[in-house]
Amino acid sequence: MTTENENWHQQCAGAARRIAAEAFDVSDAVLTAPNRCRAHIALARQVAMYLTHVVASISLTDIALAFSRDRTTVSHACRRIEDKRDELLFDLQIEQLEARMRRELERIKLAEVLEAKTVQANDMAVRVVGERPRYGLSVQARILPFRRR
C-alpha cells in the first residue's frame, strides 16, 4: 500500500525520467535498469535524479527508492551535475530542463486537484441519487405525472 507521499515521489521521479529520457534521446526503461550502462545513459539518469531533488525538493532517500538505487548514488549524481553546471552550455540546458520539470509538476498538481474535485462531485451525485425520498413518497410517485380519474 502506497501513501500519498510515495505516490507524489513516484510521479515526480517519473516526470524527471521522461524529461531526461527525451532530452538525451534514450528510453525511460534504460534509466531504471538495474545494471550500469554507457556514459550518456548514466548522465541522463543523473540529470533525472538531480531534477527530482532540486526542482521537486524530494529527499535523496526517497529518490533512491524511486530509481531503485542507493542514497549515496543519488548524492553522487547531484554533486556531479552541480559540478558540470560550471560549463555554460550544460548549465543552459539544465535550466531549460528545470523549467520543463516545474511545468510538469504544475500539471501533475492540477491533475490531482481535478481528480479530487471529480471524485467529490461523483460522491455528491451518488448521495443525491441514493437519497431516500421525503414525505414517504416513492421516487416513481414524484416522477410520474398526476392523473385524474
N, C-alpha and C. Protein backbone atom coordinates (compact mmCIF):
# COMPACT_ATOMS: atom_id res chain seq x y z
N MET A 1 0.85 -1.17 0.00
CA MET A 1 0.00 0.00 0.00
C MET A 1 0.89 1.24 0.00
N THR A 2 0.67 2.14 -0.94
CA THR A 2 1.49 3.35 -1.02
C THR A 2 0.76 4.51 -0.40
N THR A 3 1.52 5.38 0.20
CA THR A 3 0.94 6.58 0.78
C THR A 3 0.90 7.67 -0.28
N GLU A 4 0.26 8.78 0.08
CA GLU A 4 0.18 9.90 -0.86
C GLU A 4 1.58 10.43 -1.19
N ASN A 5 2.45 10.50 -0.15
CA ASN A 5 3.81 11.00 -0.37
C ASN A 5 4.57 10.10 -1.33
N GLU A 6 4.47 8.79 -1.14
CA GLU A 6 5.16 7.87 -2.03
C GLU A 6 4.64 8.00 -3.45
N ASN A 7 3.35 8.19 -3.60
CA ASN A 7 2.76 8.38 -4.93
C ASN A 7 3.30 9.66 -5.56
N TRP A 8 3.38 10.73 -4.78
CA TRP A 8 3.90 12.01 -5.28
C TRP A 8 5.36 11.84 -5.70
N HIS A 9 6.15 11.16 -4.88
CA HIS A 9 7.56 10.95 -5.19
C HIS A 9 7.72 10.15 -6.48
N GLN A 10 6.90 9.12 -6.65
CA GLN A 10 6.95 8.30 -7.86
C GLN A 10 6.56 9.12 -9.09
N GLN A 11 5.54 9.98 -8.94
CA GLN A 11 5.11 10.82 -10.07
C GLN A 11 6.20 11.81 -10.45
N CYS A 12 6.83 12.42 -9.46
CA CYS A 12 7.91 13.38 -9.72
C CYS A 12 9.10 12.69 -10.38
N ALA A 13 9.48 11.53 -9.85
CA ALA A 13 10.60 10.79 -10.44
C ALA A 13 10.27 10.36 -11.86
N GLY A 14 9.04 9.94 -12.09
CA GLY A 14 8.62 9.55 -13.44
C GLY A 14 8.67 10.71 -14.40
N ALA A 15 8.23 11.88 -13.94
CA ALA A 15 8.29 13.07 -14.79
C ALA A 15 9.73 13.43 -15.12
N ALA A 16 10.61 13.37 -14.13
CA ALA A 16 12.03 13.68 -14.35
C ALA A 16 12.66 12.67 -15.31
N ARG A 17 12.31 11.39 -15.16
CA ARG A 17 12.84 10.38 -16.08
C ARG A 17 12.38 10.64 -17.51
N ARG A 18 11.10 10.96 -17.68
CA ARG A 18 10.59 11.23 -19.04
C ARG A 18 11.30 12.44 -19.66
N ILE A 19 11.49 13.48 -18.87
CA ILE A 19 12.15 14.69 -19.37
C ILE A 19 13.59 14.40 -19.75
N ALA A 20 14.31 13.71 -18.87
CA ALA A 20 15.72 13.38 -19.15
C ALA A 20 15.83 12.41 -20.32
N ALA A 21 14.95 11.43 -20.39
CA ALA A 21 14.98 10.46 -21.48
C ALA A 21 14.79 11.16 -22.82
N GLU A 22 13.85 12.08 -22.87
CA GLU A 22 13.62 12.81 -24.11
C GLU A 22 14.81 13.70 -24.46
N ALA A 23 15.36 14.38 -23.46
CA ALA A 23 16.49 15.29 -23.71
C ALA A 23 17.73 14.54 -24.18
N PHE A 24 17.95 13.34 -23.67
CA PHE A 24 19.15 12.57 -24.02
C PHE A 24 18.87 11.52 -25.10
N ASP A 25 17.63 11.47 -25.58
CA ASP A 25 17.24 10.54 -26.63
C ASP A 25 17.52 9.09 -26.26
N VAL A 26 17.04 8.73 -25.06
CA VAL A 26 17.12 7.34 -24.59
C VAL A 26 15.73 6.94 -24.12
N SER A 27 15.54 5.65 -23.89
CA SER A 27 14.23 5.20 -23.43
C SER A 27 14.15 5.33 -21.91
N ASP A 28 12.92 5.46 -21.44
CA ASP A 28 12.69 5.56 -20.00
C ASP A 28 13.11 4.27 -19.30
N ALA A 29 12.97 3.16 -19.98
CA ALA A 29 13.30 1.86 -19.38
C ALA A 29 14.78 1.74 -19.04
N VAL A 30 15.67 2.29 -19.88
CA VAL A 30 17.10 2.16 -19.59
C VAL A 30 17.50 3.01 -18.38
N LEU A 31 16.72 4.03 -18.07
CA LEU A 31 17.05 4.87 -16.92
C LEU A 31 16.75 4.16 -15.60
N THR A 32 15.87 3.18 -15.64
CA THR A 32 15.55 2.44 -14.43
C THR A 32 16.18 1.05 -14.41
N ALA A 33 16.96 0.74 -15.43
CA ALA A 33 17.61 -0.58 -15.49
C ALA A 33 18.55 -0.74 -14.30
N PRO A 34 18.60 -1.92 -13.72
CA PRO A 34 19.42 -2.12 -12.52
C PRO A 34 20.92 -2.18 -12.79
N ASN A 35 21.32 -2.38 -14.03
CA ASN A 35 22.75 -2.53 -14.33
C ASN A 35 23.38 -1.18 -14.66
N ARG A 36 24.71 -1.19 -14.65
CA ARG A 36 25.44 0.00 -15.07
C ARG A 36 25.37 0.06 -16.60
N CYS A 37 25.56 1.22 -17.16
CA CYS A 37 25.36 1.36 -18.60
C CYS A 37 26.36 2.36 -19.17
N ARG A 38 26.13 2.73 -20.39
CA ARG A 38 27.01 3.68 -21.08
C ARG A 38 26.95 5.05 -20.41
N ALA A 39 27.96 5.85 -20.70
CA ALA A 39 28.12 7.14 -20.03
C ALA A 39 26.95 8.09 -20.28
N HIS A 40 26.45 8.15 -21.52
CA HIS A 40 25.37 9.09 -21.81
C HIS A 40 24.07 8.68 -21.12
N ILE A 41 23.87 7.37 -20.93
CA ILE A 41 22.68 6.91 -20.21
C ILE A 41 22.82 7.20 -18.73
N ALA A 42 24.03 7.00 -18.20
CA ALA A 42 24.28 7.31 -16.79
C ALA A 42 24.08 8.81 -16.53
N LEU A 43 24.53 9.64 -17.46
CA LEU A 43 24.35 11.08 -17.30
C LEU A 43 22.87 11.45 -17.34
N ALA A 44 22.12 10.82 -18.22
CA ALA A 44 20.67 11.08 -18.29
C ALA A 44 20.00 10.70 -16.97
N ARG A 45 20.37 9.56 -16.40
CA ARG A 45 19.81 9.12 -15.11
C ARG A 45 20.20 10.11 -14.02
N GLN A 46 21.46 10.58 -14.04
CA GLN A 46 21.91 11.53 -13.03
C GLN A 46 21.15 12.85 -13.15
N VAL A 47 20.88 13.29 -14.37
CA VAL A 47 20.10 14.51 -14.57
C VAL A 47 18.68 14.33 -14.03
N ALA A 48 18.10 13.17 -14.28
CA ALA A 48 16.75 12.90 -13.77
C ALA A 48 16.73 12.93 -12.25
N MET A 49 17.72 12.32 -11.63
CA MET A 49 17.80 12.35 -10.16
C MET A 49 17.99 13.77 -9.65
N TYR A 50 18.83 14.52 -10.34
CA TYR A 50 19.09 15.92 -9.96
C TYR A 50 17.81 16.74 -10.06
N LEU A 51 17.07 16.60 -11.16
CA LEU A 51 15.82 17.34 -11.33
C LEU A 51 14.82 16.98 -10.24
N THR A 52 14.75 15.72 -9.90
CA THR A 52 13.82 15.28 -8.87
C THR A 52 14.18 15.90 -7.53
N HIS A 53 15.48 15.97 -7.24
CA HIS A 53 15.92 16.52 -5.95
C HIS A 53 15.79 18.04 -5.91
N VAL A 54 16.28 18.72 -6.94
CA VAL A 54 16.34 20.18 -6.91
C VAL A 54 14.98 20.82 -7.17
N VAL A 55 14.28 20.38 -8.18
CA VAL A 55 13.02 21.02 -8.56
C VAL A 55 11.86 20.55 -7.68
N ALA A 56 11.78 19.24 -7.44
CA ALA A 56 10.67 18.70 -6.66
C ALA A 56 10.94 18.68 -5.16
N SER A 57 12.17 18.97 -4.76
CA SER A 57 12.57 19.02 -3.35
C SER A 57 12.28 17.70 -2.62
N ILE A 58 12.62 16.61 -3.26
CA ILE A 58 12.42 15.30 -2.66
C ILE A 58 13.75 14.84 -2.08
N SER A 59 13.70 14.17 -0.95
CA SER A 59 14.92 13.74 -0.26
C SER A 59 15.68 12.71 -1.08
N LEU A 60 16.97 12.62 -0.82
CA LEU A 60 17.82 11.67 -1.53
C LEU A 60 17.37 10.23 -1.30
N THR A 61 16.94 9.93 -0.09
CA THR A 61 16.48 8.58 0.23
C THR A 61 15.25 8.21 -0.59
N ASP A 62 14.29 9.14 -0.69
CA ASP A 62 13.07 8.86 -1.46
C ASP A 62 13.36 8.76 -2.96
N ILE A 63 14.31 9.55 -3.43
CA ILE A 63 14.70 9.46 -4.84
C ILE A 63 15.36 8.11 -5.10
N ALA A 64 16.20 7.68 -4.16
CA ALA A 64 16.86 6.39 -4.30
C ALA A 64 15.83 5.27 -4.43
N LEU A 65 14.76 5.33 -3.63
CA LEU A 65 13.71 4.33 -3.73
C LEU A 65 13.01 4.39 -5.09
N ALA A 66 12.76 5.60 -5.57
CA ALA A 66 12.05 5.75 -6.85
C ALA A 66 12.89 5.27 -8.03
N PHE A 67 14.22 5.39 -7.92
CA PHE A 67 15.10 4.99 -9.02
C PHE A 67 15.74 3.62 -8.80
N SER A 68 15.37 2.96 -7.71
CA SER A 68 15.96 1.66 -7.35
C SER A 68 17.48 1.74 -7.26
N ARG A 69 17.95 2.74 -6.58
CA ARG A 69 19.38 2.97 -6.38
C ARG A 69 19.63 3.22 -4.89
N ASP A 70 20.90 3.37 -4.54
CA ASP A 70 21.30 3.69 -3.18
C ASP A 70 21.29 5.21 -2.99
N ARG A 71 21.10 5.65 -1.75
CA ARG A 71 21.07 7.08 -1.46
C ARG A 71 22.39 7.75 -1.83
N THR A 72 23.49 7.05 -1.62
CA THR A 72 24.79 7.63 -1.96
C THR A 72 24.95 7.81 -3.47
N THR A 73 24.32 6.95 -4.24
CA THR A 73 24.35 7.08 -5.69
C THR A 73 23.63 8.35 -6.11
N VAL A 74 22.49 8.63 -5.48
CA VAL A 74 21.74 9.85 -5.79
C VAL A 74 22.56 11.08 -5.38
N SER A 75 23.21 11.01 -4.24
CA SER A 75 24.05 12.11 -3.77
C SER A 75 25.18 12.38 -4.76
N HIS A 76 25.81 11.31 -5.24
CA HIS A 76 26.88 11.45 -6.22
C HIS A 76 26.35 12.07 -7.51
N ALA A 77 25.18 11.65 -7.94
CA ALA A 77 24.58 12.19 -9.16
C ALA A 77 24.35 13.69 -9.03
N CYS A 78 23.80 14.12 -7.92
CA CYS A 78 23.52 15.56 -7.72
C CYS A 78 24.81 16.36 -7.68
N ARG A 79 25.84 15.84 -7.01
CA ARG A 79 27.14 16.54 -6.97
C ARG A 79 27.75 16.62 -8.37
N ARG A 80 27.64 15.54 -9.12
CA ARG A 80 28.23 15.51 -10.47
C ARG A 80 27.55 16.54 -11.38
N ILE A 81 26.24 16.62 -11.31
CA ILE A 81 25.52 17.60 -12.15
C ILE A 81 25.85 19.02 -11.71
N GLU A 82 25.92 19.25 -10.41
CA GLU A 82 26.30 20.59 -9.93
C GLU A 82 27.68 20.97 -10.45
N ASP A 83 28.63 20.04 -10.43
CA ASP A 83 29.97 20.32 -10.94
C ASP A 83 29.96 20.61 -12.43
N LYS A 84 29.15 19.89 -13.20
CA LYS A 84 29.09 20.10 -14.64
C LYS A 84 28.39 21.41 -15.01
N ARG A 85 27.65 21.99 -14.07
CA ARG A 85 26.96 23.24 -14.36
C ARG A 85 27.92 24.41 -14.52
N ASP A 86 29.20 24.19 -14.24
CA ASP A 86 30.20 25.23 -14.50
C ASP A 86 30.38 25.47 -15.99
N GLU A 87 30.03 24.47 -16.80
CA GLU A 87 30.07 24.61 -18.25
C GLU A 87 28.82 25.39 -18.69
N LEU A 88 29.01 26.47 -19.41
CA LEU A 88 27.91 27.37 -19.77
C LEU A 88 26.81 26.67 -20.56
N LEU A 89 27.15 25.92 -21.59
CA LEU A 89 26.14 25.27 -22.41
C LEU A 89 25.34 24.24 -21.60
N PHE A 90 26.04 23.43 -20.80
CA PHE A 90 25.36 22.44 -19.97
C PHE A 90 24.44 23.13 -18.97
N ASP A 91 24.89 24.23 -18.39
CA ASP A 91 24.08 24.98 -17.43
C ASP A 91 22.79 25.49 -18.08
N LEU A 92 22.89 26.01 -19.29
CA LEU A 92 21.70 26.49 -20.00
C LEU A 92 20.74 25.35 -20.30
N GLN A 93 21.27 24.20 -20.67
CA GLN A 93 20.42 23.04 -20.94
C GLN A 93 19.71 22.57 -19.67
N ILE A 94 20.43 22.56 -18.56
CA ILE A 94 19.82 22.15 -17.28
C ILE A 94 18.75 23.15 -16.86
N GLU A 95 18.97 24.43 -17.09
CA GLU A 95 17.95 25.44 -16.78
C GLU A 95 16.67 25.17 -17.56
N GLN A 96 16.82 24.82 -18.83
CA GLN A 96 15.64 24.50 -19.65
C GLN A 96 14.93 23.26 -19.13
N LEU A 97 15.69 22.26 -18.74
CA LEU A 97 15.09 21.04 -18.20
C LEU A 97 14.41 21.32 -16.86
N GLU A 98 15.01 22.18 -16.04
CA GLU A 98 14.37 22.55 -14.77
C GLU A 98 13.04 23.25 -15.02
N ALA A 99 13.00 24.13 -16.02
CA ALA A 99 11.75 24.83 -16.35
C ALA A 99 10.69 23.83 -16.81
N ARG A 100 11.08 22.86 -17.63
CA ARG A 100 10.13 21.82 -18.07
C ARG A 100 9.64 21.00 -16.89
N MET A 101 10.53 20.71 -15.97
CA MET A 101 10.16 19.92 -14.79
C MET A 101 9.16 20.70 -13.93
N ARG A 102 9.39 22.00 -13.76
CA ARG A 102 8.44 22.82 -12.98
C ARG A 102 7.07 22.83 -13.64
N ARG A 103 7.03 22.95 -14.97
CA ARG A 103 5.74 22.91 -15.68
C ARG A 103 5.06 21.56 -15.51
N GLU A 104 5.84 20.50 -15.57
CA GLU A 104 5.28 19.16 -15.42
C GLU A 104 4.73 18.95 -14.01
N LEU A 105 5.42 19.46 -13.00
CA LEU A 105 4.93 19.34 -11.63
C LEU A 105 3.62 20.12 -11.45
N GLU A 106 3.52 21.27 -12.06
CA GLU A 106 2.27 22.04 -12.01
C GLU A 106 1.14 21.27 -12.68
N ARG A 107 1.45 20.60 -13.81
CA ARG A 107 0.45 19.80 -14.49
C ARG A 107 -0.02 18.63 -13.61
N ILE A 108 0.92 18.00 -12.93
CA ILE A 108 0.59 16.88 -12.05
C ILE A 108 -0.29 17.36 -10.89
N LYS A 109 0.07 18.49 -10.30
CA LYS A 109 -0.72 19.03 -9.19
C LYS A 109 -2.13 19.38 -9.66
N LEU A 110 -2.24 20.01 -10.83
CA LEU A 110 -3.55 20.37 -11.38
C LEU A 110 -4.39 19.12 -11.64
N ALA A 111 -3.77 18.08 -12.18
CA ALA A 111 -4.50 16.84 -12.44
C ALA A 111 -5.01 16.23 -11.14
N GLU A 112 -4.22 16.31 -10.07
CA GLU A 112 -4.65 15.77 -8.77
C GLU A 112 -5.84 16.56 -8.23
N VAL A 113 -5.80 17.89 -8.37
CA VAL A 113 -6.90 18.72 -7.89
C VAL A 113 -8.17 18.41 -8.67
N LEU A 114 -8.05 18.31 -9.99
CA LEU A 114 -9.22 18.00 -10.81
C LEU A 114 -9.77 16.62 -10.49
N GLU A 115 -8.88 15.66 -10.25
CA GLU A 115 -9.32 14.31 -9.90
C GLU A 115 -10.05 14.32 -8.56
N ALA A 116 -9.53 15.08 -7.61
CA ALA A 116 -10.17 15.17 -6.29
C ALA A 116 -11.55 15.82 -6.42
N LYS A 117 -11.65 16.85 -7.24
CA LYS A 117 -12.95 17.50 -7.43
C LYS A 117 -13.93 16.56 -8.13
N THR A 118 -13.46 15.79 -9.10
CA THR A 118 -14.31 14.83 -9.80
C THR A 118 -14.81 13.76 -8.84
N VAL A 119 -13.92 13.25 -8.00
CA VAL A 119 -14.31 12.25 -7.02
C VAL A 119 -15.33 12.84 -6.05
N GLN A 120 -15.09 14.06 -5.62
CA GLN A 120 -16.02 14.72 -4.71
C GLN A 120 -17.38 14.94 -5.39
N ALA A 121 -17.37 15.36 -6.64
CA ALA A 121 -18.63 15.57 -7.37
C ALA A 121 -19.36 14.25 -7.57
N ASN A 122 -18.61 13.19 -7.91
CA ASN A 122 -19.24 11.88 -8.07
C ASN A 122 -19.81 11.38 -6.75
N ASP A 123 -19.12 11.63 -5.66
CA ASP A 123 -19.60 11.23 -4.34
C ASP A 123 -20.89 11.96 -4.01
N MET A 124 -20.95 13.26 -4.34
CA MET A 124 -22.16 14.04 -4.09
C MET A 124 -23.30 13.52 -4.96
N ALA A 125 -23.01 13.17 -6.21
CA ALA A 125 -24.05 12.66 -7.11
C ALA A 125 -24.60 11.34 -6.58
N VAL A 126 -23.74 10.50 -6.08
CA VAL A 126 -24.19 9.23 -5.53
C VAL A 126 -25.08 9.47 -4.32
N ARG A 127 -24.71 10.43 -3.49
CA ARG A 127 -25.53 10.73 -2.32
C ARG A 127 -26.89 11.28 -2.72
N VAL A 128 -26.94 12.12 -3.75
CA VAL A 128 -28.21 12.69 -4.17
C VAL A 128 -29.10 11.60 -4.78
N VAL A 129 -28.52 10.75 -5.62
CA VAL A 129 -29.30 9.69 -6.24
C VAL A 129 -29.75 8.68 -5.20
N GLY A 130 -28.90 8.38 -4.26
CA GLY A 130 -29.21 7.37 -3.27
C GLY A 130 -30.02 7.90 -2.09
N GLU A 131 -30.38 9.17 -2.11
CA GLU A 131 -31.14 9.76 -1.01
C GLU A 131 -32.52 9.12 -0.90
N ARG A 132 -33.01 8.98 0.31
CA ARG A 132 -34.36 8.45 0.49
C ARG A 132 -35.35 9.56 0.18
N PRO A 133 -36.42 9.24 -0.48
CA PRO A 133 -37.41 10.27 -0.79
C PRO A 133 -38.07 10.79 0.50
N ARG A 134 -38.45 12.05 0.47
CA ARG A 134 -39.06 12.68 1.64
C ARG A 134 -40.57 12.47 1.63
N TYR A 135 -41.16 12.62 2.77
CA TYR A 135 -42.61 12.55 2.96
C TYR A 135 -43.19 11.21 2.57
N GLY A 136 -42.39 10.17 2.58
CA GLY A 136 -42.89 8.84 2.32
C GLY A 136 -43.28 8.57 0.88
N LEU A 137 -42.96 9.48 -0.04
CA LEU A 137 -43.28 9.24 -1.45
C LEU A 137 -42.17 8.43 -2.09
N SER A 138 -42.55 7.57 -2.97
CA SER A 138 -41.52 6.82 -3.68
C SER A 138 -40.96 7.69 -4.79
N VAL A 139 -39.81 7.30 -5.30
CA VAL A 139 -39.19 8.05 -6.39
C VAL A 139 -40.12 8.05 -7.59
N GLN A 140 -40.78 6.93 -7.88
CA GLN A 140 -41.67 6.85 -9.03
C GLN A 140 -42.86 7.79 -8.86
N ALA A 141 -43.38 7.91 -7.67
CA ALA A 141 -44.54 8.77 -7.44
C ALA A 141 -44.19 10.22 -7.72
N ARG A 142 -42.96 10.62 -7.45
CA ARG A 142 -42.57 12.00 -7.73
C ARG A 142 -42.31 12.22 -9.21
N ILE A 143 -41.94 11.19 -9.93
CA ILE A 143 -41.60 11.34 -11.34
C ILE A 143 -42.83 11.25 -12.23
N LEU A 144 -43.76 10.33 -11.93
CA LEU A 144 -44.93 10.14 -12.77
C LEU A 144 -45.85 11.35 -12.68
N PRO A 145 -46.44 11.72 -13.81
CA PRO A 145 -47.37 12.86 -13.79
C PRO A 145 -48.64 12.49 -13.04
N PHE A 146 -49.29 13.48 -12.49
CA PHE A 146 -50.55 13.29 -11.76
C PHE A 146 -51.64 13.03 -12.79
N ARG A 147 -52.48 11.99 -12.56
CA ARG A 147 -53.59 11.66 -13.46
C ARG A 147 -54.90 11.78 -12.71
N ARG A 148 -55.87 12.41 -13.33
CA ARG A 148 -57.22 12.49 -12.72
C ARG A 148 -58.04 11.35 -13.24
N ARG A 149 -58.93 10.86 -12.40
CA ARG A 149 -59.82 9.78 -12.83
C ARG A 149 -61.13 10.31 -13.27
